[in-house]
C-alpha atoms as a PDB file:
ATOM      1  CA  MET A   1     -95.566  81.919  56.910  1.00  0.00           C
ATOM      2  CA  HIS A   2     -92.059  81.988  55.440  1.00  0.00           C
ATOM      3  CA  ILE A   3     -90.178  85.292  55.317  1.00  0.00           C
ATOM      4  CA  ILE A   4     -86.840  86.162  53.720  1.00  0.00           C
ATOM      5  CA  SER A   5     -84.083  85.492  56.266  1.00  0.00           C
ATOM      6  CA  GLU A   6     -80.388  86.314  55.951  1.00  0.00           C
ATOM      7  CA  PRO A   7     -78.436  84.630  58.798  1.00  0.00           C
ATOM      8  CA  SER A   8     -74.670  85.219  58.834  1.00  0.00           C
ATOM      9  CA  ILE A   9     -73.987  81.511  59.422  1.00  0.00           C
ATOM     10  CA  LEU A  10     -75.774  78.429  58.120  1.00  0.00           C
ATOM     11  CA  TYR A  11     -74.884  75.831  60.742  1.00  0.00           C
ATOM     12  CA  PHE A  12     -78.204  74.012  60.809  1.00  0.00           C
ATOM     13  CA  GLY A  13     -76.654  71.088  62.692  1.00  0.00           C
ATOM     14  CA  THR A  14     -73.461  69.174  61.943  1.00  0.00           C
ATOM     15  CA  PRO A  15     -71.249  66.877  64.064  1.00  0.00           C
ATOM     16  CA  VAL A  16     -68.330  68.322  66.000  1.00  0.00           C
ATOM     17  CA  VAL A  17     -64.915  66.879  65.154  1.00  0.00           C
ATOM     18  CA  LEU A  18     -61.559  67.331  66.887  1.00  0.00           C
ATOM     19  CA  ILE A  19     -58.969  67.137  64.112  1.00  0.00           C
ATOM     20  CA  GLY A  20     -55.580  65.868  65.246  1.00  0.00           C
ATOM     21  CA  THR A  21     -52.574  66.878  63.131  1.00  0.00           C
ATOM     22  CA  LYS A  22     -48.808  67.249  63.509  1.00  0.00           C
ATOM     23  CA  ASN A  23     -47.157  70.669  63.558  1.00  0.00           C
ATOM     24  CA  GLU A  24     -43.977  71.312  61.603  1.00  0.00           C
ATOM     25  CA  ASN A  25     -41.899  71.017  64.805  1.00  0.00           C
ATOM     26  CA  GLY A  26     -43.352  67.580  65.634  1.00  0.00           C
ATOM     27  CA  THR A  27     -45.781  68.765  68.326  1.00  0.00           C
ATOM     28  CA  ASP A  28     -49.471  67.929  68.252  1.00  0.00           C
ATOM     29  CA  ASN A  29     -52.365  70.113  67.196  1.00  0.00           C
ATOM     30  CA  LEU A  30     -56.006  69.477  68.076  1.00  0.00           C
ATOM     31  CA  ALA A  31     -58.676  71.689  66.528  1.00  0.00           C
ATOM     32  CA  PRO A  32     -62.486  71.640  66.834  1.00  0.00           C
ATOM     33  CA  MET A  33     -64.563  72.059  63.688  1.00  0.00           C
ATOM     34  CA  SER A  34     -67.955  71.023  62.316  1.00  0.00           C
ATOM     35  CA  SER A  35     -67.827  71.617  58.568  1.00  0.00           C
ATOM     36  CA  ILE A  36     -67.796  67.976  57.528  1.00  0.00           C
ATOM     37  CA  PHE A  37     -69.791  65.314  55.726  1.00  0.00           C
ATOM     38  CA  TRP A  38     -69.161  61.645  54.930  1.00  0.00           C
ATOM     39  CA  LEU A  39     -69.694  59.486  51.843  1.00  0.00           C
ATOM     40  CA  GLY A  40     -68.646  55.892  52.361  1.00  0.00           C
ATOM     41  CA  TRP A  41     -65.143  55.776  53.870  1.00  0.00           C
ATOM     42  CA  ARG A  42     -64.389  59.270  52.602  1.00  0.00           C
ATOM     43  CA  CYS A  43     -65.341  62.682  53.882  1.00  0.00           C
ATOM     44  CA  VAL A  44     -65.034  66.331  52.941  1.00  0.00           C
ATOM     45  CA  ILE A  45     -64.037  69.008  55.431  1.00  0.00           C
ATOM     46  CA  GLY A  46     -63.853  72.778  55.091  1.00  0.00           C
ATOM     47  CA  LEU A  47     -61.287  74.945  56.874  1.00  0.00           C
ATOM     48  CA  ALA A  48     -60.038  78.503  56.814  1.00  0.00           C
ATOM     49  CA  ALA A  49     -56.922  78.724  54.666  1.00  0.00           C
ATOM     50  CA  ALA A  50     -55.018  80.518  57.428  1.00  0.00           C
ATOM     51  CA  SER A  51     -55.664  77.903  60.132  1.00  0.00           C
ATOM     52  CA  LYS A  52     -52.876  75.770  61.591  1.00  0.00           C
ATOM     53  CA  THR A  53     -54.785  72.592  60.774  1.00  0.00           C
ATOM     54  CA  THR A  54     -54.970  73.613  57.113  1.00  0.00           C
ATOM     55  CA  GLN A  55     -51.235  74.255  57.023  1.00  0.00           C
ATOM     56  CA  ASN A  56     -50.530  70.883  58.650  1.00  0.00           C
ATOM     57  CA  LEU A  57     -52.797  69.016  56.238  1.00  0.00           C
ATOM     58  CA  MET A  58     -51.199  70.733  53.271  1.00  0.00           C
ATOM     59  CA  ARG A  59     -47.759  69.723  54.508  1.00  0.00           C
ATOM     60  CA  ASN A  60     -48.088  66.106  55.687  1.00  0.00           C
ATOM     61  CA  ARG A  61     -51.572  65.166  54.364  1.00  0.00           C
ATOM     62  CA  GLN A  62     -52.490  63.080  57.424  1.00  0.00           C
ATOM     63  CA  CYS A  63     -54.904  63.510  60.325  1.00  0.00           C
ATOM     64  CA  VAL A  64     -57.164  61.838  62.852  1.00  0.00           C
ATOM     65  CA  LEU A  65     -60.843  62.773  63.023  1.00  0.00           C
ATOM     66  CA  ASN A  66     -61.708  62.382  66.703  1.00  0.00           C
ATOM     67  CA  LEU A  67     -65.482  62.337  67.228  1.00  0.00           C
ATOM     68  CA  PRO A  68     -66.536  63.564  70.693  1.00  0.00           C
ATOM     69  CA  SER A  69     -69.771  62.516  72.344  1.00  0.00           C
ATOM     70  CA  VAL A  70     -71.863  64.657  74.673  1.00  0.00           C
ATOM     71  CA  ASN A  71     -69.552  63.547  77.490  1.00  0.00           C
ATOM     72  CA  GLU A  72     -66.605  65.466  75.989  1.00  0.00           C
ATOM     73  CA  VAL A  73     -68.437  68.773  75.484  1.00  0.00           C
ATOM     74  CA  ALA A  74     -66.487  70.583  78.224  1.00  0.00           C
ATOM     75  CA  ALA A  75     -63.176  69.523  76.663  1.00  0.00           C
ATOM     76  CA  VAL A  76     -64.309  70.742  73.249  1.00  0.00           C
ATOM     77  CA  ASN A  77     -65.437  74.038  74.732  1.00  0.00           C
ATOM     78  CA  ARG A  78     -62.043  74.576  76.359  1.00  0.00           C
ATOM     79  CA  LEU A  79     -60.516  74.496  72.870  1.00  0.00           C
ATOM     80  CA  ALA A  80     -62.857  77.211  71.627  1.00  0.00           C
ATOM     81  CA  LYS A  81     -61.108  80.393  70.552  1.00  0.00           C
ATOM     82  CA  THR A  82     -57.659  78.792  70.703  1.00  0.00           C
ATOM     83  CA  THR A  83     -55.291  78.356  67.775  1.00  0.00           C
ATOM     84  CA  GLY A  84     -51.985  76.662  67.110  1.00  0.00           C
ATOM     85  CA  SER A  85     -50.939  79.540  64.854  1.00  0.00           C
ATOM     86  CA  ASN A  86     -48.421  82.060  66.197  1.00  0.00           C
ATOM     87  CA  PRO A  87     -48.953  84.882  65.453  1.00  0.00           C
ATOM     88  CA  VAL A  88     -52.732  84.543  65.606  1.00  0.00           C
ATOM     89  CA  PRO A  89     -54.316  85.273  62.183  1.00  0.00           C
ATOM     90  CA  GLU A  90     -56.021  88.656  62.044  1.00  0.00           C
ATOM     91  CA  GLY A  91     -59.473  87.175  61.444  1.00  0.00           C
ATOM     92  CA  LYS A  92     -59.184  85.061  64.584  1.00  0.00           C
ATOM     93  CA  LEU A  93     -57.820  87.972  66.633  1.00  0.00           C
ATOM     94  CA  LEU A  94     -61.025  89.857  65.879  1.00  0.00           C
ATOM     95  CA  LYS A  95     -63.007  86.925  67.297  1.00  0.00           C
ATOM     96  CA  GLY A  96     -60.922  86.774  70.476  1.00  0.00           C
ATOM     97  CA  TYR A  97     -58.726  83.762  69.702  1.00  0.00           C
ATOM     98  CA  ARG A  98     -55.431  83.190  71.534  1.00  0.00           C
ATOM     99  CA  TYR A  99     -52.371  81.097  70.735  1.00  0.00           C
ATOM    100  CA  GLU A 100     -52.101  77.803  72.658  1.00  0.00           C
ATOM    101  CA  PRO A 101     -49.164  75.470  71.916  1.00  0.00           C
ATOM    102  CA  ASP A 102     -50.482  72.473  73.933  1.00  0.00           C
ATOM    103  CA  LYS A 103     -54.039  71.798  72.858  1.00  0.00           C
ATOM    104  CA  PHE A 104     -54.317  68.440  74.633  1.00  0.00           C
ATOM    105  CA  LYS A 105     -53.340  70.013  77.959  1.00  0.00           C
ATOM    106  CA  ILE A 106     -55.808  72.881  77.538  1.00  0.00           C
ATOM    107  CA  ALA A 107     -58.624  70.464  76.660  1.00  0.00           C
ATOM    108  CA  GLY A 108     -57.756  67.984  79.399  1.00  0.00           C
ATOM    109  CA  LEU A 109     -57.615  65.145  76.871  1.00  0.00           C
ATOM    110  CA  THR A 110     -55.166  62.277  76.575  1.00  0.00           C
ATOM    111  CA  LYS A 111     -53.017  62.023  73.468  1.00  0.00           C
ATOM    112  CA  THR A 112     -52.390  58.595  71.984  1.00  0.00           C
ATOM    113  CA  ASP A 113     -50.643  57.657  68.744  1.00  0.00           C
ATOM    114  CA  ALA A 114     -52.450  56.653  65.595  1.00  0.00           C
ATOM    115  CA  GLU A 115     -51.538  53.400  63.853  1.00  0.00           C
ATOM    116  CA  THR A 116     -51.547  54.316  60.149  1.00  0.00           C
ATOM    117  CA  VAL A 117     -50.885  58.073  60.146  1.00  0.00           C
ATOM    118  CA  ASP A 118     -48.570  60.513  61.902  1.00  0.00           C
ATOM    119  CA  ALA A 119     -51.258  62.351  63.858  1.00  0.00           C
ATOM    120  CA  PRO A 120     -52.678  62.219  67.414  1.00  0.00           C
ATOM    121  CA  ARG A 121     -55.798  60.491  68.686  1.00  0.00           C
ATOM    122  CA  ALA A 122     -57.784  61.862  71.643  1.00  0.00           C
ATOM    123  CA  ALA A 123     -58.299  58.831  73.870  1.00  0.00           C
ATOM    124  CA  GLU A 124     -61.499  60.092  75.501  1.00  0.00           C
ATOM    125  CA  CYS A 125     -63.369  60.478  72.207  1.00  0.00           C
ATOM    126  CA  PRO A 126     -65.471  57.370  71.420  1.00  0.00           C
ATOM    127  CA  VAL A 127     -64.482  57.340  67.728  1.00  0.00           C
ATOM    128  CA  HIS A 128     -61.112  57.910  66.037  1.00  0.00           C
ATOM    129  CA  MET A 129     -60.860  57.954  62.246  1.00  0.00           C
ATOM    130  CA  GLU A 130     -57.338  57.865  60.827  1.00  0.00           C
ATOM    131  CA  ALA A 131     -57.321  59.581  57.445  1.00  0.00           C
ATOM    132  CA  VAL A 132     -55.158  60.806  54.587  1.00  0.00           C
ATOM    133  CA  VAL A 133     -55.722  63.691  52.185  1.00  0.00           C
ATOM    134  CA  GLU A 134     -56.813  62.521  48.743  1.00  0.00           C
ATOM    135  CA  ALA A 135     -57.537  65.911  47.185  1.00  0.00           C
ATOM    136  CA  VAL A 136     -57.518  69.628  47.988  1.00  0.00           C
ATOM    137  CA  HIS A 137     -59.948  72.135  46.504  1.00  0.00           C
ATOM    138  CA  GLY A 138     -60.432  75.839  46.956  1.00  0.00           C
ATOM    139  CA  LEU A 139     -63.876  77.219  47.706  1.00  0.00           C
ATOM    140  CA  ALA A 140     -65.352  80.189  45.827  1.00  0.00           C
ATOM    141  CA  GLU A 141     -62.629  79.989  43.201  1.00  0.00           C
ATOM    142  CA  GLY A 142     -64.732  82.099  40.840  1.00  0.00           C
ATOM    143  CA  ASP A 143     -65.042  84.966  43.328  1.00  0.00           C
ATOM    144  CA  ALA A 144     -62.033  87.294  43.410  1.00  0.00           C
ATOM    145  CA  ASP A 145     -62.934  88.569  46.884  1.00  0.00           C
ATOM    146  CA  MET A 146     -63.412  85.107  48.425  1.00  0.00           C
ATOM    147  CA  ARG A 147     -60.804  83.111  46.507  1.00  0.00           C
ATOM    148  CA  GLY A 148     -58.087  81.560  48.692  1.00  0.00           C
ATOM    149  CA  LYS A 149     -59.812  82.091  52.042  1.00  0.00           C
ATOM    150  CA  ILE A 150     -61.403  78.650  52.502  1.00  0.00           C
ATOM    151  CA  VAL A 151     -60.007  75.220  51.607  1.00  0.00           C
ATOM    152  CA  THR A 152     -61.865  71.931  51.304  1.00  0.00           C
ATOM    153  CA  PHE A 153     -60.098  68.606  51.795  1.00  0.00           C
ATOM    154  CA  GLU A 154     -61.232  65.198  50.587  1.00  0.00           C
ATOM    155  CA  LEU A 155     -60.092  62.672  53.176  1.00  0.00           C
ATOM    156  CA  ARG A 156     -59.944  58.889  52.870  1.00  0.00           C
ATOM    157  CA  ILE A 157     -60.417  56.905  56.065  1.00  0.00           C
ATOM    158  CA  GLN A 158     -57.752  54.248  56.677  1.00  0.00           C
ATOM    159  CA  ARG A 159     -58.664  52.938  60.121  1.00  0.00           C
ATOM    160  CA  ILE A 160     -61.478  53.424  62.628  1.00  0.00           C
ATOM    161  CA  HIS A 161     -61.251  52.900  66.379  1.00  0.00           C
ATOM    162  CA  ALA A 162     -64.654  52.707  68.106  1.00  0.00           C
ATOM    163  CA  GLU A 163     -65.390  52.487  71.818  1.00  0.00           C
ATOM    164  CA  GLU A 164     -67.130  49.170  72.519  1.00  0.00           C
ATOM    165  CA  SER A 165     -69.891  50.894  74.486  1.00  0.00           C
ATOM    166  CA  ILE A 166     -71.352  52.444  71.302  1.00  0.00           C
ATOM    167  CA  LEU A 167     -71.363  49.244  69.227  1.00  0.00           C
ATOM    168  CA  MET A 168     -74.410  47.088  68.564  1.00  0.00           C
ATOM    169  CA  ASP A 169     -74.500  44.026  70.763  1.00  0.00           C
ATOM    170  CA  GLY A 170     -72.775  41.183  68.945  1.00  0.00           C
ATOM    171  CA  HIS A 171     -71.682  43.397  66.015  1.00  0.00           C
ATOM    172  CA  ALA A 172     -68.099  44.680  66.125  1.00  0.00           C
ATOM    173  CA  ASN A 173     -68.553  46.574  62.847  1.00  0.00           C
ATOM    174  CA  ARG A 174     -71.832  48.388  63.496  1.00  0.00           C
ATOM    175  CA  ILE A 175     -72.396  51.552  65.520  1.00  0.00           C
ATOM    176  CA  ASP A 176     -75.632  51.496  67.539  1.00  0.00           C
ATOM    177  CA  PRO A 177     -77.451  54.799  66.880  1.00  0.00           C
ATOM    178  CA  ASP A 178     -79.350  54.359  70.150  1.00  0.00           C
ATOM    179  CA  LYS A 179     -76.044  54.307  72.074  1.00  0.00           C
ATOM    180  CA  TRP A 180     -74.076  56.879  70.075  1.00  0.00           C
ATOM    181  CA  LYS A 181     -74.733  60.455  71.205  1.00  0.00           C
ATOM    182  CA  PRO A 182     -72.603  62.700  68.985  1.00  0.00           C
ATOM    183  CA  LEU A 183     -71.886  66.300  69.833  1.00  0.00           C
ATOM    184  CA  ILE A 184     -73.749  68.513  67.359  1.00  0.00           C
ATOM    185  CA  MET A 185     -73.071  72.171  66.554  1.00  0.00           C
ATOM    186  CA  SER A 186     -76.182  74.149  65.628  1.00  0.00           C
ATOM    187  CA  PHE A 187     -75.786  77.897  65.168  1.00  0.00           C
ATOM    188  CA  GLN A 188     -72.768  78.010  67.524  1.00  0.00           C
ATOM    189  CA  GLU A 189     -74.492  76.062  70.324  1.00  0.00           C
ATOM    190  CA  PHE A 190     -73.988  72.437  71.434  1.00  0.00           C
ATOM    191  CA  TYR A 191     -76.720  69.830  71.033  1.00  0.00           C
ATOM    192  CA  THR A 192     -76.989  66.083  70.546  1.00  0.00           C
ATOM    193  CA  LEU A 193     -79.357  63.586  68.948  1.00  0.00           C
ATOM    194  CA  GLY A 194     -82.600  62.803  70.723  1.00  0.00           C
ATOM    195  CA  ASP A 195     -84.803  59.715  70.589  1.00  0.00           C
ATOM    196  CA  LYS A 196     -85.618  58.124  67.257  1.00  0.00           C
ATOM    197  CA  VAL A 197     -88.756  59.806  65.907  1.00  0.00           C
ATOM    198  CA  HIS A 198     -89.729  57.317  63.185  1.00  0.00           C
ATOM    199  CA  SER A 199     -88.544  54.102  61.612  1.00  0.00           C
ATOM    200  CA  SER A 200     -86.585  54.616  58.393  1.00  0.00           C
ATOM    201  CA  THR A 201     -87.244  52.923  55.068  1.00  0.00           C
ATOM    202  CA  LEU A 202     -83.510  53.190  54.345  1.00  0.00           C
ATOM    203  CA  GLY A 203     -82.908  51.298  57.583  1.00  0.00           C
ATOM    204  CA  GLU A 204     -84.382  48.234  55.878  1.00  0.00           C
ATOM    205  CA  ILE A 205     -81.361  48.063  53.558  1.00  0.00           C
ATOM    206  CA  PRO A 206     -78.618  45.756  54.922  1.00  0.00           C
ATOM    207  CA  GLU A 207     -75.655  47.864  55.992  1.00  0.00           C
ATOM    208  CA  ARG A 208     -73.242  45.551  54.139  1.00  0.00           C
ATOM    209  CA  LEU A 209     -74.658  46.817  50.827  1.00  0.00           C
ATOM    210  CA  TYR A 210     -73.024  50.182  51.534  1.00  0.00           C
ATOM    211  CA  ASN A 211     -69.579  48.580  51.599  1.00  0.00           C
ATOM    212  CA  THR A 212     -66.944  50.419  49.521  1.00  0.00           C
ATOM    213  CA  LEU A 213     -63.600  49.607  47.944  1.00  0.00           C
ATOM    214  CA  ASP A 214     -61.960  52.044  50.378  1.00  0.00           C
ATOM    215  CA  ARG A 215     -63.231  49.962  53.303  1.00  0.00           C
ATOM    216  CA  GLU A 216     -62.127  46.694  51.694  1.00  0.00           C
ATOM    217  CA  ARG A 217     -58.622  48.036  51.059  1.00  0.00           C
ATOM    218  CA  ALA A 218     -58.344  49.321  54.625  1.00  0.00           C
ATOM    219  CA  ILE A 219     -59.380  45.912  56.002  1.00  0.00           C
ATOM    220  CA  LYS A 220     -56.862  44.101  53.785  1.00  0.00           C
ATOM    221  CA  ALA A 221     -54.083  46.441  54.907  1.00  0.00           C
ATOM    222  CA  TYR A 222     -54.940  45.725  58.551  1.00  0.00           C
ATOM    223  CA  GLU A 223     -54.994  41.972  57.939  1.00  0.00           C
ATOM    224  CA  VAL A 224     -51.538  42.182  56.363  1.00  0.00           C
ATOM    225  CA  GLU A 225     -50.235  44.052  59.420  1.00  0.00           C
ATOM    226  CA  GLU A 226     -51.669  41.395  61.727  1.00  0.00           C
ATOM    227  CA  THR A 227     -49.771  38.629  59.924  1.00  0.00           C
ATOM    228  CA  MET A 228     -46.405  40.416  59.957  1.00  0.00           C
END
């Protein structure tokens, strides 16, 4: 029997992402989040307006979406309740956050440079997505009490780096869902994907039919770089 339920959060299960951005002084910021979804080679993320990552994205409009697997859960957890903002925003102070200027050191992760954006990659994460901001939207713009507190960013992916161990055998451009074990946040706890429960009708569609102009442009840009 269903009953009326009013949970304070609605995190029914989304992937964890470590967003790499550059601070205004040129240092690196690395922030965990899980408000994200993808469509083609674009994605939408949601962040608190007062966060350091939001400020960095507003300023230089570049980032790296580092996708941790289950193997990086301890590193992600070490970043919990840390912020690159000094002073710490009041809302985060209430939740016990502290200021940390060196996120990579705290997490125990290795910083490496991106190729198409001015933002850091976390070497240990199996997937790095270099992205640029295409659009910025406020959330709850029609609510005077909520307006300005949350920002959504539309990001366009420019380059993807994938660890070979999660690729399909013989396919450099296909992730093997049986090998990829993403870190999932569900109601503030860490989980991952289990075994496949059923074959998918959508899985019968060739993956190439989901190709987008964004992907084609990114490939062409890479090919031009290779010939220079």
